[in-house]
Amino acid sequence: MAAPDNWLLLAGGGLSTTNLQGWITDNVVPLILLGIAVILLWIGGKGDNAGVARRSVGLIIGLVALGIAVSGNGPEIGSFLASLLTG
């Protein structure tokens, strides 16, 4: 077992979530998108085209929010949107 001083060095040192964030971006997000696409195709195959369109709009809004969160450009995008309203 490591001494308490070693744990403090590890905790204060270069611990980050960069690798975990990269893994989620590279693996989990595409799997979720694939699952959503399969569900939308299944719903569309039953003839509920209006339901697919309604869910697709919600999906696009969710993907925009996910893109903003993952890219880290939230403040710049917020400033741009505010400038559209304020001129």
N, C-alpha and C. Protein backbone atom coordinates (compact mmCIF):
# COMPACT_ATOMS: atom_id res chain seq x y z
N MET A 1 0.84 -1.18 0.00
CA MET A 1 0.00 0.00 0.00
C MET A 1 0.88 1.24 0.00
N ALA A 2 0.48 2.24 -0.74
CA ALA A 2 1.25 3.47 -0.85
C ALA A 2 1.09 4.32 0.40
N ALA A 3 2.15 5.02 0.69
CA ALA A 3 2.12 5.91 1.85
C ALA A 3 1.18 7.08 1.56
N PRO A 4 0.62 7.71 2.61
CA PRO A 4 -0.29 8.85 2.40
C PRO A 4 0.34 9.97 1.60
N ASP A 5 1.66 10.19 1.77
CA ASP A 5 2.32 11.25 1.01
C ASP A 5 2.27 10.96 -0.49
N ASN A 6 2.38 9.68 -0.86
CA ASN A 6 2.32 9.32 -2.28
C ASN A 6 0.94 9.61 -2.85
N TRP A 7 -0.11 9.36 -2.07
CA TRP A 7 -1.47 9.65 -2.53
C TRP A 7 -1.66 11.14 -2.75
N LEU A 8 -1.07 11.94 -1.87
CA LEU A 8 -1.18 13.38 -2.04
C LEU A 8 -0.47 13.83 -3.31
N LEU A 9 0.67 13.22 -3.61
CA LEU A 9 1.37 13.56 -4.84
C LEU A 9 0.54 13.19 -6.06
N LEU A 10 -0.09 12.02 -6.00
CA LEU A 10 -0.92 11.59 -7.12
C LEU A 10 -2.14 12.50 -7.29
N ALA A 11 -2.77 12.85 -6.17
CA ALA A 11 -3.97 13.68 -6.24
C ALA A 11 -3.64 15.10 -6.68
N GLY A 12 -2.51 15.61 -6.26
CA GLY A 12 -2.14 16.97 -6.62
C GLY A 12 -1.50 17.06 -8.00
N GLY A 13 -1.05 15.93 -8.50
CA GLY A 13 -0.35 15.91 -9.78
C GLY A 13 -1.30 15.93 -10.95
N GLY A 14 -0.87 15.36 -12.02
CA GLY A 14 -1.58 15.48 -13.29
C GLY A 14 -2.75 14.54 -13.46
N LEU A 15 -3.64 14.46 -12.52
CA LEU A 15 -4.85 13.67 -12.71
C LEU A 15 -5.86 14.49 -13.50
N SER A 16 -6.40 13.88 -14.54
CA SER A 16 -7.40 14.58 -15.34
C SER A 16 -8.36 13.57 -15.94
N THR A 17 -9.40 14.08 -16.55
CA THR A 17 -10.40 13.22 -17.18
C THR A 17 -10.29 13.27 -18.70
N THR A 18 -9.15 13.70 -19.20
CA THR A 18 -8.98 13.86 -20.64
C THR A 18 -9.15 12.53 -21.37
N ASN A 19 -8.52 11.48 -20.87
CA ASN A 19 -8.63 10.18 -21.52
C ASN A 19 -10.04 9.63 -21.46
N LEU A 20 -10.70 9.80 -20.33
CA LEU A 20 -12.08 9.33 -20.20
C LEU A 20 -12.99 10.12 -21.13
N GLN A 21 -12.80 11.41 -21.20
CA GLN A 21 -13.62 12.25 -22.10
C GLN A 21 -13.41 11.84 -23.55
N GLY A 22 -12.18 11.58 -23.92
CA GLY A 22 -11.89 11.15 -25.28
C GLY A 22 -12.51 9.79 -25.60
N TRP A 23 -12.47 8.88 -24.63
CA TRP A 23 -13.06 7.56 -24.84
C TRP A 23 -14.57 7.66 -25.00
N ILE A 24 -15.22 8.49 -24.18
CA ILE A 24 -16.67 8.66 -24.29
C ILE A 24 -17.01 9.28 -25.64
N THR A 25 -16.26 10.29 -26.04
CA THR A 25 -16.53 10.95 -27.32
C THR A 25 -16.33 9.99 -28.49
N ASP A 26 -15.31 9.15 -28.41
CA ASP A 26 -15.00 8.26 -29.52
C ASP A 26 -15.86 7.00 -29.56
N ASN A 27 -16.39 6.55 -28.41
CA ASN A 27 -17.08 5.26 -28.37
C ASN A 27 -18.55 5.33 -27.98
N VAL A 28 -18.86 6.01 -26.90
CA VAL A 28 -20.22 6.00 -26.38
C VAL A 28 -21.16 6.84 -27.24
N VAL A 29 -20.71 8.02 -27.64
CA VAL A 29 -21.58 8.90 -28.42
C VAL A 29 -21.98 8.26 -29.76
N PRO A 30 -21.05 7.65 -30.53
CA PRO A 30 -21.49 6.99 -31.76
C PRO A 30 -22.44 5.82 -31.52
N LEU A 31 -22.27 5.08 -30.43
CA LEU A 31 -23.19 3.99 -30.12
C LEU A 31 -24.59 4.50 -29.81
N ILE A 32 -24.67 5.60 -29.09
CA ILE A 32 -25.97 6.19 -28.79
C ILE A 32 -26.64 6.68 -30.07
N LEU A 33 -25.86 7.34 -30.93
CA LEU A 33 -26.42 7.82 -32.20
C LEU A 33 -26.88 6.67 -33.08
N LEU A 34 -26.14 5.57 -33.09
CA LEU A 34 -26.55 4.40 -33.86
C LEU A 34 -27.85 3.83 -33.31
N GLY A 35 -27.97 3.76 -32.00
CA GLY A 35 -29.21 3.28 -31.39
C GLY A 35 -30.39 4.16 -31.71
N ILE A 36 -30.19 5.47 -31.68
CA ILE A 36 -31.27 6.40 -32.02
C ILE A 36 -31.68 6.24 -33.47
N ALA A 37 -30.70 6.07 -34.37
CA ALA A 37 -31.02 5.90 -35.79
C ALA A 37 -31.83 4.63 -36.02
N VAL A 38 -31.47 3.55 -35.34
CA VAL A 38 -32.22 2.30 -35.49
C VAL A 38 -33.65 2.46 -34.98
N ILE A 39 -33.82 3.15 -33.87
CA ILE A 39 -35.16 3.36 -33.32
C ILE A 39 -36.00 4.21 -34.28
N LEU A 40 -35.40 5.27 -34.84
CA LEU A 40 -36.13 6.12 -35.79
C LEU A 40 -36.52 5.35 -37.05
N LEU A 41 -35.62 4.49 -37.54
CA LEU A 41 -35.96 3.67 -38.70
C LEU A 41 -37.08 2.70 -38.38
N TRP A 42 -37.07 2.14 -37.18
CA TRP A 42 -38.10 1.20 -36.77
C TRP A 42 -39.46 1.90 -36.67
N ILE A 43 -39.47 3.10 -36.09
CA ILE A 43 -40.71 3.87 -35.98
C ILE A 43 -41.21 4.26 -37.37
N GLY A 44 -40.29 4.68 -38.25
CA GLY A 44 -40.67 5.05 -39.61
C GLY A 44 -41.21 3.88 -40.39
N GLY A 45 -40.72 2.69 -40.12
CA GLY A 45 -41.22 1.49 -40.80
C GLY A 45 -42.64 1.15 -40.42
N LYS A 46 -43.08 1.63 -39.27
CA LYS A 46 -44.46 1.39 -38.85
C LYS A 46 -45.43 2.41 -39.45
N GLY A 47 -44.90 3.40 -40.16
CA GLY A 47 -45.75 4.37 -40.84
C GLY A 47 -45.98 5.66 -40.07
N ASP A 48 -45.34 5.83 -38.94
CA ASP A 48 -45.53 7.03 -38.14
C ASP A 48 -44.50 8.09 -38.55
N ASN A 49 -44.64 8.64 -39.74
CA ASN A 49 -43.68 9.61 -40.25
C ASN A 49 -43.68 10.91 -39.45
N ALA A 50 -44.84 11.32 -38.97
CA ALA A 50 -44.91 12.54 -38.16
C ALA A 50 -44.15 12.34 -36.85
N GLY A 51 -44.24 11.15 -36.28
CA GLY A 51 -43.50 10.86 -35.05
C GLY A 51 -42.01 10.89 -35.27
N VAL A 52 -41.57 10.37 -36.42
CA VAL A 52 -40.15 10.39 -36.74
C VAL A 52 -39.67 11.82 -36.92
N ALA A 53 -40.44 12.65 -37.60
CA ALA A 53 -40.06 14.05 -37.81
C ALA A 53 -39.98 14.78 -36.47
N ARG A 54 -40.94 14.55 -35.60
CA ARG A 54 -40.96 15.22 -34.29
C ARG A 54 -39.74 14.80 -33.46
N ARG A 55 -39.44 13.53 -33.47
CA ARG A 55 -38.29 13.04 -32.70
C ARG A 55 -36.98 13.51 -33.33
N SER A 56 -36.94 13.64 -34.64
CA SER A 56 -35.71 14.08 -35.31
C SER A 56 -35.37 15.52 -34.95
N VAL A 57 -36.37 16.37 -34.84
CA VAL A 57 -36.12 17.76 -34.44
C VAL A 57 -35.55 17.80 -33.02
N GLY A 58 -36.12 17.01 -32.13
CA GLY A 58 -35.58 16.93 -30.78
C GLY A 58 -34.17 16.38 -30.77
N LEU A 59 -33.90 15.41 -31.63
CA LEU A 59 -32.56 14.83 -31.73
C LEU A 59 -31.55 15.85 -32.22
N ILE A 60 -31.92 16.65 -33.20
CA ILE A 60 -31.01 17.67 -33.72
C ILE A 60 -30.68 18.70 -32.64
N ILE A 61 -31.69 19.11 -31.88
CA ILE A 61 -31.44 20.06 -30.79
C ILE A 61 -30.51 19.44 -29.74
N GLY A 62 -30.73 18.18 -29.43
CA GLY A 62 -29.86 17.48 -28.48
C GLY A 62 -28.44 17.35 -29.00
N LEU A 63 -28.28 17.08 -30.29
CA LEU A 63 -26.94 16.96 -30.87
C LEU A 63 -26.21 18.30 -30.87
N VAL A 64 -26.94 19.38 -31.09
CA VAL A 64 -26.32 20.71 -31.02
C VAL A 64 -25.81 20.96 -29.60
N ALA A 65 -26.62 20.65 -28.61
CA ALA A 65 -26.20 20.84 -27.22
C ALA A 65 -25.00 19.95 -26.88
N LEU A 66 -25.01 18.71 -27.37
CA LEU A 66 -23.88 17.81 -27.14
C LEU A 66 -22.62 18.33 -27.81
N GLY A 67 -22.75 18.84 -29.02
CA GLY A 67 -21.60 19.41 -29.71
C GLY A 67 -21.01 20.60 -28.99
N ILE A 68 -21.86 21.45 -28.45
CA ILE A 68 -21.37 22.60 -27.69
C ILE A 68 -20.66 22.13 -26.43
N ALA A 69 -21.22 21.14 -25.75
CA ALA A 69 -20.62 20.65 -24.51
C ALA A 69 -19.29 19.96 -24.76
N VAL A 70 -19.19 19.18 -25.82
CA VAL A 70 -17.97 18.42 -26.08
C VAL A 70 -16.87 19.32 -26.64
N SER A 71 -17.22 20.29 -27.45
CA SER A 71 -16.20 21.13 -28.09
C SER A 71 -15.55 22.11 -27.12
N GLY A 72 -16.26 22.49 -26.09
CA GLY A 72 -15.72 23.46 -25.14
C GLY A 72 -15.81 24.90 -25.62
N ASN A 73 -16.60 25.14 -26.67
CA ASN A 73 -16.74 26.48 -27.23
C ASN A 73 -18.01 27.17 -26.74
N GLY A 74 -18.50 26.79 -25.60
CA GLY A 74 -19.74 27.35 -25.08
C GLY A 74 -19.74 28.85 -24.94
N PRO A 75 -18.70 29.44 -24.32
CA PRO A 75 -18.70 30.90 -24.17
C PRO A 75 -18.71 31.66 -25.50
N GLU A 76 -17.94 31.16 -26.48
CA GLU A 76 -17.91 31.82 -27.79
C GLU A 76 -19.27 31.73 -28.48
N ILE A 77 -19.90 30.56 -28.40
CA ILE A 77 -21.21 30.39 -29.03
C ILE A 77 -22.24 31.25 -28.32
N GLY A 78 -22.17 31.33 -26.99
CA GLY A 78 -23.08 32.18 -26.24
C GLY A 78 -22.92 33.65 -26.61
N SER A 79 -21.68 34.08 -26.78
CA SER A 79 -21.43 35.47 -27.18
C SER A 79 -21.99 35.74 -28.57
N PHE A 80 -21.82 34.77 -29.48
CA PHE A 80 -22.35 34.94 -30.83
C PHE A 80 -23.86 35.04 -30.82
N LEU A 81 -24.52 34.16 -30.05
CA LEU A 81 -25.98 34.19 -30.00
C LEU A 81 -26.48 35.48 -29.35
N ALA A 82 -25.76 35.96 -28.33
CA ALA A 82 -26.15 37.23 -27.70
C ALA A 82 -25.97 38.39 -28.67
N SER A 83 -24.93 38.33 -29.50
CA SER A 83 -24.72 39.41 -30.46
C SER A 83 -25.81 39.42 -31.54
N LEU A 84 -26.43 38.28 -31.79
CA LEU A 84 -27.53 38.25 -32.75
C LEU A 84 -28.74 39.03 -32.22
N LEU A 85 -28.92 38.99 -30.91
CA LEU A 85 -30.06 39.69 -30.31
C LEU A 85 -29.77 41.15 -30.02
N THR A 86 -28.53 41.43 -29.63
CA THR A 86 -28.21 42.80 -29.22
C THR A 86 -27.62 43.65 -30.34
N GLY A 87 -27.18 43.00 -31.41
CA GLY A 87 -26.67 43.77 -32.55
C GLY A 87 -25.23 43.97 -32.56
